[in-house]
Amino acid sequence: MDLHAAKRIARSDSAVQTWKTVAAFYLIACGFSWLVWLPLILGPDGLKVLTTSFSFPVFVCIGTLGPLLGSFVAHRWDTGNWRAVRVLPRGRLPWIWLALGPLLVLFSRVFVFSALSTHGGPAAWKWHIGALSGIWIPMFNYNLLGGPLFEEFGWRGFLQSRLQCSLSPWISAVLVGLMWAVWHLPLFILGWGGVTFPLFLMTLVGVSVIMAFAFNGSGESVIVAILMHSAFNAANRFIPAFLGNVSTRQYPSEGLLIALSFLLVAAVLVAVTRGRLLCAPAAFNQ
């Protein structure tokens, strides 16, 4: 067997092991979360099998431990150690992504969305300091516990990092977005989300690509991903103060415009980086 053939076999074996580890992670993440959410699904607000009501915020929050648990267990099974993720940015310059990451999410959700959805352009928006600074409080209150703090150990810290070792980073980000959306699927039985599942899926694919860009730029820092996820969740509370009484378009729907806002920014990032999303070339196989 020549050297090139041996390398191909080694890469193939590595890819198979990566997918096994990813499958183990996803089974644990979904299995744990969906089991925790089962009383909500079967309760009076869901399928009405149970008559007892359970605390939605508490059970949803506990369920977000699924991706965190899956990341560490799958990594331990694969490598024999618990060092599944990198928490802090790597090096000095990547620390800037602690600010740039959330700002990129807010730019997509607030400014791009506003440009697509309002009449009159930026001159009609509320640029006063109170509106612009109002986003930071929701980012660090209970919202942080409702998904960002625990989920991102799995979605970005483990899953994005693993997939882009075998696939192009932008394709990996799209797959992460799809898996991230499907993980939420049981909550839609409860009317959660405020949009249809297809629109939610489109939105998370766009967000996932944007988050992968900053995540890779930071040297795969989970803290950056957590802050971006928190900004994404909190932005809805910021929009009314920013737009005020500005006239908005009736069509397309708000949900579709939100999805398009993130997808447009994601497409630009993919095009500018040629799909690499700031991932080090040595970290993936093209």
Foldseek 3Di string as FASTA:
>chain_A
DDPVVVVVVVLVVLVVLLVVLLVQLLCQLLVQLCVLCVCVQCEPLFVNVDPDDDDPQVSLLRSLLRLLVSQQVSCCVSPVDRCRFAAAFDDDVLNCLLPVLQVLLLCLQAVQLCQQWFPDHPVQWDPDPCLVPVLPVQLPDCLLSNHLVNNLCRLQGHQLLSVQLEDQSLVSLLVSLQSVLVSCVSCVSSVPDVDDSVLSSLQSSLLSLSLSLSCQSRVNHSSSSSSNVSSNVRSVVSRCNGNPPTHTDPPPHSSNSSSVSSNVSSVVQCVVVVRNSNHDPNSYDD
